[in-house]
């Protein structure tokens, strides 16, 4: 589709936006801003007769797409050939720090029946607040456009990753999981004050807390799922948990069968790295029928506890045997309270390696190993 004629000469930037909005023949161009301030070179004039979109409606929102529709006066409606769409992240709604006079800033769509779908992972990220405004336009025989005024500005937020997107992450994680090693315990490191507080204020039971924002930006468990973080990785040479930890010098250790058994379900929740060579996989263990189980069942891919690439539980000769993936760091979330009497608390002998902490850690959006082809 031919871009609007510009009075000055400029190279056509290779924009990823040109292909990511499917079935709309959309492309990126430099247009006037929402206040109607047009570039002197733009060749776009305002035509009062064109109807201004109003009553904007956003629907069918996913992590990288949405449907948009609006109402218009019937006057001169048949003259509309295109729609101009201005899409910005809400936190920077008035200007985009990446904008430049020769960089595309708007989207233009042929006038198709409404609602129409806007889709594109290059400019839409999951769980992100956006603003959108629309103009109607009429392309002239000389290639110039006449446009209406901008509509009102509408705010909306994109969705979390769906199960389909998480399954894509799961498949990527399976590629690098590596061979399985035996484990016998889950463990949780904290400061001594944490365990003292649990004993004094929570009747000796660790309580689930809301998952932080570490990992993938589109993860459906961040800020929503309540659980208790455990680790299960072992050292290759000893088969025991490592003595170093970024979270505190005191460790609660519990036999694996207390948390993970045929009466629990296992879910895949995330796969990410933090600009490092090693990768993290987040799994959720939820007692069957518990609130955590119901939450995960609707949002996360469920794993077969006996046969998956990350964490398994199976019976051999009447004894439960557990294995974990060697080449990823597993973070396990257990969704119910856990009583300290079910395990032991002791001081570890290693170092407190704060550089390994994943608290609110941001995922590397450029890593080809742990990113999928939707918004970061």
Foldseek 3Di string as FASTA:
>chain_A
DDDFDWQDDDDQDDDPLCPFFPPFSKDFDDAADQQRHGDPGRLEAADAQFWEWEPKDWAPFAFFKIWIDTDTDPGCPVQFFKKKKAKDFPVPQPDDPPDDNNDGGIMMGTDDDPRGMGGDQVPGGAFTKMKMKMWTWGADPVRGIYIYRIYDIDMDHHAAHFQVQLVVLQVLCLVQLADKDWFWKKKDAAAPVVQVCCVPPVVQKDFWDQADCFAGNRFPRHRNATFDKIFTDPDPVPNHRDLEAQHYQKMWMATPCVQDDPQKWKFWTHKFDQPDPAIETEMEIEGPPDPNVVVCVRGTDTDDQCDDSAKHWDDDPNDIIIIGGHRHTYIYTYRGMGGSVNTDMDGGDDYNDNVPDRRSGYGDQPDPSRDDRHHD
